[in-house]
Amino acid sequence: SCVDSEINRKDFFVIDKEEYTNKLEG
Protein backbone atom coordinates (compact mmCIF):
# COMPACT_ATOMS: atom_id res chain seq x y z
CA SER A 1 0.00 0.00 0.00
CA CYS A 2 2.90 2.33 0.71
CA VAL A 3 4.49 1.60 -2.63
CA ASP A 4 1.18 2.14 -4.39
CA SER A 5 0.68 5.45 -2.60
CA GLU A 6 4.13 6.59 -3.76
CA ILE A 7 3.32 5.93 -7.41
CA ASN A 8 2.31 9.01 -9.35
CA ARG A 9 -0.51 7.67 -11.44
CA LYS A 10 -0.07 10.51 -13.90
CA ASP A 11 3.11 8.75 -14.99
CA PHE A 12 1.15 5.73 -16.20
CA PHE A 13 -1.42 4.63 -18.71
CA VAL A 14 -3.99 2.48 -16.96
CA ILE A 15 -5.51 -0.38 -18.98
CA ASP A 16 -8.37 -2.50 -17.69
CA LYS A 17 -7.49 -6.15 -18.29
CA GLU A 18 -11.09 -7.34 -18.65
CA GLU A 19 -11.78 -4.73 -21.31
CA TYR A 20 -8.52 -5.60 -23.04
CA THR A 21 -9.55 -9.26 -23.15
CA ASN A 22 -12.72 -8.28 -25.03
CA LYS A 23 -10.57 -6.19 -27.37
CA LEU A 24 -8.28 -9.14 -28.11
CA GLU A 25 -11.34 -11.27 -28.85
CA GLY A 26 -12.41 -8.48 -31.19
PDB file of all heavy atoms in Angstrom:
ATOM      1  N   SER A   1       0.820  -1.207   0.000  1.00  0.00           N
ATOM      2  CA  SER A   1       0.000   0.000   0.000  1.00  0.00           C
ATOM      3  C   SER A   1       0.853   1.255   0.000  1.00  0.00           C
ATOM      4  O   SER A   1       0.512   2.261  -0.630  1.00  0.00           O
ATOM      5  CB  SER A   1      -0.953   0.000   1.193  1.00  0.00           C
ATOM      6  OG  SER A   1      -0.226   0.106   2.410  1.00  0.00           O
ATOM      7  N   CYS A   2       1.995   1.189   0.700  1.00  0.00           N
ATOM      8  CA  CYS A   2       2.899   2.332   0.714  1.00  0.00           C
ATOM      9  C   CYS A   2       3.506   2.582  -0.652  1.00  0.00           C
ATOM     10  O   CYS A   2       3.597   3.719  -1.110  1.00  0.00           O
ATOM     11  CB  CYS A   2       4.024   2.106   1.740  1.00  0.00           C
ATOM     12  SG  CYS A   2       3.474   2.191   3.460  1.00  0.00           S
ATOM     13  N   VAL A   3       3.932   1.472  -1.301  1.00  0.00           N
ATOM     14  CA  VAL A   3       4.488   1.595  -2.627  1.00  0.00           C
ATOM     15  C   VAL A   3       3.469   2.186  -3.594  1.00  0.00           C
ATOM     16  O   VAL A   3       3.759   3.101  -4.365  1.00  0.00           O
ATOM     17  CB  VAL A   3       4.981   0.221  -3.155  1.00  0.00           C
ATOM     18  CG1 VAL A   3       5.336   0.328  -4.637  1.00  0.00           C
ATOM     19  CG2 VAL A   3       6.182  -0.249  -2.367  1.00  0.00           C
ATOM     20  N   ASP A   4       2.235   1.660  -3.507  1.00  0.00           N
ATOM     21  CA  ASP A   4       1.181   2.136  -4.394  1.00  0.00           C
ATOM     22  C   ASP A   4       0.904   3.619  -4.169  1.00  0.00           C
ATOM     23  O   ASP A   4       0.640   4.371  -5.115  1.00  0.00           O
ATOM     24  CB  ASP A   4      -0.098   1.315  -4.178  1.00  0.00           C
ATOM     25  CG  ASP A   4      -1.145   1.585  -5.230  1.00  0.00           C
ATOM     26  OD1 ASP A   4      -0.888   1.314  -6.398  1.00  0.00           O
ATOM     27  OD2 ASP A   4      -2.224   2.063  -4.864  1.00  0.00           O
ATOM     28  N   SER A   5       0.948   4.050  -2.891  1.00  0.00           N
ATOM     29  CA  SER A   5       0.685   5.447  -2.599  1.00  0.00           C
ATOM     30  C   SER A   5       1.781   6.361  -3.111  1.00  0.00           C
ATOM     31  O   SER A   5       1.562   7.544  -3.352  1.00  0.00           O
ATOM     32  CB  SER A   5       0.505   5.639  -1.087  1.00  0.00           C
ATOM     33  OG  SER A   5       1.729   5.375  -0.406  1.00  0.00           O
ATOM     34  N   GLU A   6       3.002   5.802  -3.284  1.00  0.00           N
ATOM     35  CA  GLU A   6       4.125   6.586  -3.763  1.00  0.00           C
ATOM     36  C   GLU A   6       4.111   6.757  -5.280  1.00  0.00           C
ATOM     37  O   GLU A   6       4.794   7.604  -5.841  1.00  0.00           O
ATOM     38  CB  GLU A   6       5.455   5.925  -3.352  1.00  0.00           C
ATOM     39  CG  GLU A   6       5.744   5.965  -1.852  1.00  0.00           C
ATOM     40  CD  GLU A   6       5.970   7.370  -1.345  1.00  0.00           C
ATOM     41  OE1 GLU A   6       6.648   8.140  -2.043  1.00  0.00           O
ATOM     42  OE2 GLU A   6       5.446   7.687  -0.271  1.00  0.00           O
ATOM     43  N   ILE A   7       3.352   5.890  -5.956  1.00  0.00           N
ATOM     44  CA  ILE A   7       3.320   5.932  -7.409  1.00  0.00           C
ATOM     45  C   ILE A   7       2.474   7.103  -7.890  1.00  0.00           C
ATOM     46  O   ILE A   7       1.345   7.281  -7.460  1.00  0.00           O
ATOM     47  CB  ILE A   7       2.764   4.607  -7.971  1.00  0.00           C
ATOM     48  CG1 ILE A   7       3.735   3.468  -7.684  1.00  0.00           C
ATOM     49  CG2 ILE A   7       2.517   4.732  -9.474  1.00  0.00           C
ATOM     50  CD1 ILE A   7       3.208   2.112  -8.068  1.00  0.00           C
ATOM     51  N   ASN A   8       3.054   7.921  -8.721  1.00  0.00           N
ATOM     52  CA  ASN A   8       2.311   9.007  -9.346  1.00  0.00           C
ATOM     53  C   ASN A   8       1.565   8.443 -10.545  1.00  0.00           C
ATOM     54  O   ASN A   8       2.156   8.124 -11.567  1.00  0.00           O
ATOM     55  CB  ASN A   8       3.253  10.117  -9.775  1.00  0.00           C
ATOM     56  CG  ASN A   8       2.503  11.338 -10.306  1.00  0.00           C
ATOM     57  OD1 ASN A   8       1.292  11.297 -10.551  1.00  0.00           O
ATOM     58  ND2 ASN A   8       3.240  12.428 -10.487  1.00  0.00           N
ATOM     59  N   ARG A   9       0.268   8.313 -10.394  1.00  0.00           N
ATOM     60  CA  ARG A   9      -0.514   7.666 -11.436  1.00  0.00           C
ATOM     61  C   ARG A   9      -0.529   8.455 -12.735  1.00  0.00           C
ATOM     62  O   ARG A   9      -0.872   7.915 -13.782  1.00  0.00           O
ATOM     63  CB  ARG A   9      -1.926   7.394 -10.940  1.00  0.00           C
ATOM     64  CG  ARG A   9      -1.933   6.457  -9.726  1.00  0.00           C
ATOM     65  CD  ARG A   9      -3.261   5.877  -9.440  1.00  0.00           C
ATOM     66  NE  ARG A   9      -3.172   4.868  -8.384  1.00  0.00           N
ATOM     67  CZ  ARG A   9      -4.062   3.906  -8.207  1.00  0.00           C
ATOM     68  NH1 ARG A   9      -5.096   3.808  -9.001  1.00  0.00           N
ATOM     69  NH2 ARG A   9      -3.917   3.031  -7.222  1.00  0.00           N
ATOM     70  N   LYS A  10      -0.176   9.727 -12.688  1.00  0.00           N
ATOM     71  CA  LYS A  10      -0.074  10.509 -13.900  1.00  0.00           C
ATOM     72  C   LYS A  10       1.068  10.038 -14.793  1.00  0.00           C
ATOM     73  O   LYS A  10       1.124  10.392 -15.969  1.00  0.00           O
ATOM     74  CB  LYS A  10       0.101  11.984 -13.558  1.00  0.00           C
ATOM     75  CG  LYS A  10      -1.120  12.618 -12.903  1.00  0.00           C
ATOM     76  CD  LYS A  10      -0.901  14.093 -12.631  1.00  0.00           C
ATOM     77  CE  LYS A  10      -2.126  14.728 -11.988  1.00  0.00           C
ATOM     78  NZ  LYS A  10      -1.898  16.178 -11.688  1.00  0.00           N
ATOM     79  N   ASP A  11       1.977   9.272 -14.228  1.00  0.00           N
ATOM     80  CA  ASP A  11       3.110   8.749 -14.987  1.00  0.00           C
ATOM     81  C   ASP A  11       2.765   7.483 -15.758  1.00  0.00           C
ATOM     82  O   ASP A  11       3.621   6.937 -16.455  1.00  0.00           O
ATOM     83  CB  ASP A  11       4.290   8.460 -14.052  1.00  0.00           C
ATOM     84  CG  ASP A  11       4.877   9.727 -13.445  1.00  0.00           C
ATOM     85  OD1 ASP A  11       4.720  10.807 -14.043  1.00  0.00           O
ATOM     86  OD2 ASP A  11       5.493   9.628 -12.364  1.00  0.00           O
ATOM     87  N   PHE A  12       1.521   7.014 -15.626  1.00  0.00           N
ATOM     88  CA  PHE A  12       1.151   5.732 -16.198  1.00  0.00           C
ATOM     89  C   PHE A  12      -0.117   5.812 -17.040  1.00  0.00           C
ATOM     90  O   PHE A  12      -1.011   6.613 -16.777  1.00  0.00           O
ATOM     91  CB  PHE A  12       0.911   4.688 -15.088  1.00  0.00           C
ATOM     92  CG  PHE A  12       2.144   4.317 -14.312  1.00  0.00           C
ATOM     93  CD1 PHE A  12       2.547   5.073 -13.225  1.00  0.00           C
ATOM     94  CD2 PHE A  12       2.902   3.221 -14.672  1.00  0.00           C
ATOM     95  CE1 PHE A  12       3.679   4.734 -12.503  1.00  0.00           C
ATOM     96  CE2 PHE A  12       4.030   2.882 -13.962  1.00  0.00           C
ATOM     97  CZ  PHE A  12       4.421   3.634 -12.876  1.00  0.00           C
ATOM     98  N   PHE A  13      -0.169   4.986 -18.076  1.00  0.00           N
ATOM     99  CA  PHE A  13      -1.421   4.633 -18.712  1.00  0.00           C
ATOM    100  C   PHE A  13      -2.029   3.482 -17.922  1.00  0.00           C
ATOM    101  O   PHE A  13      -1.324   2.543 -17.568  1.00  0.00           O
ATOM    102  CB  PHE A  13      -1.203   4.165 -20.157  1.00  0.00           C
ATOM    103  CG  PHE A  13      -0.994   5.264 -21.153  1.00  0.00           C
ATOM    104  CD1 PHE A  13       0.280   5.670 -21.491  1.00  0.00           C
ATOM    105  CD2 PHE A  13      -2.076   5.875 -21.760  1.00  0.00           C
ATOM    106  CE1 PHE A  13       0.481   6.676 -22.427  1.00  0.00           C
ATOM    107  CE2 PHE A  13      -1.883   6.887 -22.692  1.00  0.00           C
ATOM    108  CZ  PHE A  13      -0.608   7.284 -23.027  1.00  0.00           C
ATOM    109  N   VAL A  14      -3.307   3.566 -17.668  1.00  0.00           N
ATOM    110  CA  VAL A  14      -3.989   2.484 -16.960  1.00  0.00           C
ATOM    111  C   VAL A  14      -4.888   1.750 -17.949  1.00  0.00           C
ATOM    112  O   VAL A  14      -5.725   2.353 -18.615  1.00  0.00           O
ATOM    113  CB  VAL A  14      -4.825   3.017 -15.780  1.00  0.00           C
ATOM    114  CG1 VAL A  14      -5.470   1.850 -15.027  1.00  0.00           C
ATOM    115  CG2 VAL A  14      -3.960   3.849 -14.844  1.00  0.00           C
ATOM    116  N   ILE A  15      -4.722   0.437 -18.050  1.00  0.00           N
ATOM    117  CA  ILE A  15      -5.506  -0.380 -18.976  1.00  0.00           C
ATOM    118  C   ILE A  15      -6.239  -1.456 -18.193  1.00  0.00           C
ATOM    119  O   ILE A  15      -5.621  -2.237 -17.457  1.00  0.00           O
ATOM    120  CB  ILE A  15      -4.613  -1.037 -20.045  1.00  0.00           C
ATOM    121  CG1 ILE A  15      -3.942   0.027 -20.905  1.00  0.00           C
ATOM    122  CG2 ILE A  15      -5.441  -1.978 -20.917  1.00  0.00           C
ATOM    123  CD1 ILE A  15      -3.017  -0.547 -21.972  1.00  0.00           C
ATOM    124  N   ASP A  16      -7.539  -1.481 -18.337  1.00  0.00           N
ATOM    125  CA  ASP A  16      -8.370  -2.496 -17.694  1.00  0.00           C
ATOM    126  C   ASP A  16      -8.197  -3.833 -18.412  1.00  0.00           C
ATOM    127  O   ASP A  16      -8.429  -3.935 -19.618  1.00  0.00           O
ATOM    128  CB  ASP A  16      -9.834  -2.065 -17.716  1.00  0.00           C
ATOM    129  CG  ASP A  16     -10.740  -3.041 -17.003  1.00  0.00           C
ATOM    130  OD1 ASP A  16     -10.924  -2.875 -15.781  1.00  0.00           O
ATOM    131  OD2 ASP A  16     -11.245  -3.975 -17.647  1.00  0.00           O
ATOM    132  N   LYS A  17      -7.803  -4.860 -17.676  1.00  0.00           N
ATOM    133  CA  LYS A  17      -7.488  -6.151 -18.291  1.00  0.00           C
ATOM    134  C   LYS A  17      -8.729  -6.847 -18.847  1.00  0.00           C
ATOM    135  O   LYS A  17      -8.674  -7.506 -19.874  1.00  0.00           O
ATOM    136  CB  LYS A  17      -6.767  -7.054 -17.288  1.00  0.00           C
ATOM    137  CG  LYS A  17      -5.365  -6.566 -16.940  1.00  0.00           C
ATOM    138  CD  LYS A  17      -4.752  -7.358 -15.800  1.00  0.00           C
ATOM    139  CE  LYS A  17      -4.480  -8.790 -16.180  1.00  0.00           C
ATOM    140  NZ  LYS A  17      -3.747  -9.519 -15.090  1.00  0.00           N
ATOM    141  N   GLU A  18      -9.866  -6.704 -18.162  1.00  0.00           N
ATOM    142  CA  GLU A  18     -11.090  -7.336 -18.651  1.00  0.00           C
ATOM    143  C   GLU A  18     -11.521  -6.721 -19.979  1.00  0.00           C
ATOM    144  O   GLU A  18     -11.899  -7.442 -20.917  1.00  0.00           O
ATOM    145  CB  GLU A  18     -12.213  -7.205 -17.619  1.00  0.00           C
ATOM    146  CG  GLU A  18     -13.497  -7.929 -18.020  1.00  0.00           C
ATOM    147  CD  GLU A  18     -14.556  -7.883 -16.941  1.00  0.00           C
ATOM    148  OE1 GLU A  18     -14.255  -7.428 -15.806  1.00  0.00           O
ATOM    149  OE2 GLU A  18     -15.712  -8.307 -17.224  1.00  0.00           O
ATOM    150  N   GLU A  19     -11.450  -5.398 -20.061  1.00  0.00           N
ATOM    151  CA  GLU A  19     -11.781  -4.726 -21.313  1.00  0.00           C
ATOM    152  C   GLU A  19     -10.805  -5.119 -22.414  1.00  0.00           C
ATOM    153  O   GLU A  19     -11.194  -5.312 -23.563  1.00  0.00           O
ATOM    154  CB  GLU A  19     -11.770  -3.207 -21.121  1.00  0.00           C
ATOM    155  CG  GLU A  19     -12.133  -2.423 -22.379  1.00  0.00           C
ATOM    156  CD  GLU A  19     -12.058  -0.922 -22.199  1.00  0.00           C
ATOM    157  OE1 GLU A  19     -11.698  -0.468 -21.098  1.00  0.00           O
ATOM    158  OE2 GLU A  19     -12.335  -0.187 -23.174  1.00  0.00           O
ATOM    159  N   TYR A  20      -9.533  -5.234 -22.059  1.00  0.00           N
ATOM    160  CA  TYR A  20      -8.520  -5.605 -23.042  1.00  0.00           C
ATOM    161  C   TYR A  20      -8.751  -7.013 -23.565  1.00  0.00           C
ATOM    162  O   TYR A  20      -8.491  -7.296 -24.735  1.00  0.00           O
ATOM    163  CB  TYR A  20      -7.117  -5.486 -22.441  1.00  0.00           C
ATOM    164  CG  TYR A  20      -6.029  -5.259 -23.476  1.00  0.00           C
ATOM    165  CD1 TYR A  20      -5.696  -3.977 -23.877  1.00  0.00           C
ATOM    166  CD2 TYR A  20      -5.342  -6.320 -24.052  1.00  0.00           C
ATOM    167  CE1 TYR A  20      -4.709  -3.740 -24.825  1.00  0.00           C
ATOM    168  CE2 TYR A  20      -4.352  -6.104 -25.004  1.00  0.00           C
ATOM    169  CZ  TYR A  20      -4.043  -4.819 -25.392  1.00  0.00           C
ATOM    170  OH  TYR A  20      -3.054  -4.599 -26.345  1.00  0.00           O
ATOM    171  N   THR A  21      -9.235  -7.904 -22.713  1.00  0.00           N
ATOM    172  CA  THR A  21      -9.549  -9.262 -23.153  1.00  0.00           C
ATOM    173  C   THR A  21     -10.622  -9.236 -24.236  1.00  0.00           C
ATOM    174  O   THR A  21     -10.515  -9.929 -25.252  1.00  0.00           O
ATOM    175  CB  THR A  21     -10.018 -10.122 -21.968  1.00  0.00           C
ATOM    176  OG1 THR A  21      -9.024 -10.126 -20.946  1.00  0.00           O
ATOM    177  CG2 THR A  21     -10.273 -11.560 -22.411  1.00  0.00           C
ATOM    178  N   ASN A  22     -11.668  -8.426 -24.021  1.00  0.00           N
ATOM    179  CA  ASN A  22     -12.716  -8.285 -25.032  1.00  0.00           C
ATOM    180  C   ASN A  22     -12.166  -7.688 -26.324  1.00  0.00           C
ATOM    181  O   ASN A  22     -12.565  -8.070 -27.428  1.00  0.00           O
ATOM    182  CB  ASN A  22     -13.864  -7.423 -24.503  1.00  0.00           C
ATOM    183  CG  ASN A  22     -15.067  -7.381 -25.437  1.00  0.00           C
ATOM    184  OD1 ASN A  22     -15.211  -6.471 -26.244  1.00  0.00           O
ATOM    185  ND2 ASN A  22     -15.921  -8.370 -25.329  1.00  0.00           N
ATOM    186  N   LYS A  23     -11.202  -6.779 -26.197  1.00  0.00           N
ATOM    187  CA  LYS A  23     -10.567  -6.188 -27.368  1.00  0.00           C
ATOM    188  C   LYS A  23      -9.764  -7.227 -28.142  1.00  0.00           C
ATOM    189  O   LYS A  23      -9.793  -7.254 -29.383  1.00  0.00           O
ATOM    190  CB  LYS A  23      -9.674  -5.014 -26.950  1.00  0.00           C
ATOM    191  CG  LYS A  23     -10.433  -3.749 -26.568  1.00  0.00           C
ATOM    192  CD  LYS A  23      -9.469  -2.681 -26.093  1.00  0.00           C
ATOM    193  CE  LYS A  23     -10.131  -1.343 -25.904  1.00  0.00           C
ATOM    194  NZ  LYS A  23     -10.544  -0.713 -27.199  1.00  0.00           N
ATOM    195  N   LEU A  24      -9.035  -8.094 -27.429  1.00  0.00           N
ATOM    196  CA  LEU A  24      -8.284  -9.144 -28.113  1.00  0.00           C
ATOM    197  C   LEU A  24      -9.224 -10.128 -28.803  1.00  0.00           C
ATOM    198  O   LEU A  24      -8.930 -10.606 -29.904  1.00  0.00           O
ATOM    199  CB  LEU A  24      -7.379  -9.879 -27.121  1.00  0.00           C
ATOM    200  CG  LEU A  24      -6.158  -9.107 -26.615  1.00  0.00           C
ATOM    201  CD1 LEU A  24      -5.386  -9.950 -25.602  1.00  0.00           C
ATOM    202  CD2 LEU A  24      -5.237  -8.692 -27.754  1.00  0.00           C
ATOM    203  N   GLU A  25     -10.339 -10.445 -28.174  1.00  0.00           N
ATOM    204  CA  GLU A  25     -11.342 -11.272 -28.849  1.00  0.00           C
ATOM    205  C   GLU A  25     -11.839 -10.571 -30.112  1.00  0.00           C
ATOM    206  O   GLU A  25     -12.067 -11.210 -31.146  1.00  0.00           O
ATOM    207  CB  GLU A  25     -12.509 -11.569 -27.903  1.00  0.00           C
ATOM    208  CG  GLU A  25     -12.186 -12.531 -26.765  1.00  0.00           C
ATOM    209  CD  GLU A  25     -13.399 -12.842 -25.931  1.00  0.00           C
ATOM    210  OE1 GLU A  25     -14.287 -13.556 -26.410  1.00  0.00           O
ATOM    211  OE2 GLU A  25     -13.480 -12.349 -24.788  1.00  0.00           O
ATOM    212  N   GLY A  26     -12.012  -9.260 -30.017  1.00  0.00           N
ATOM    213  CA  GLY A  26     -12.414  -8.480 -31.188  1.00  0.00           C
ATOM    214  C   GLY A  26     -11.370  -8.520 -32.286  1.00  0.00           C
ATOM    215  O   GLY A  26     -11.705  -8.538 -33.476  1.00  0.00           O
TER     216      GLY A  26
END
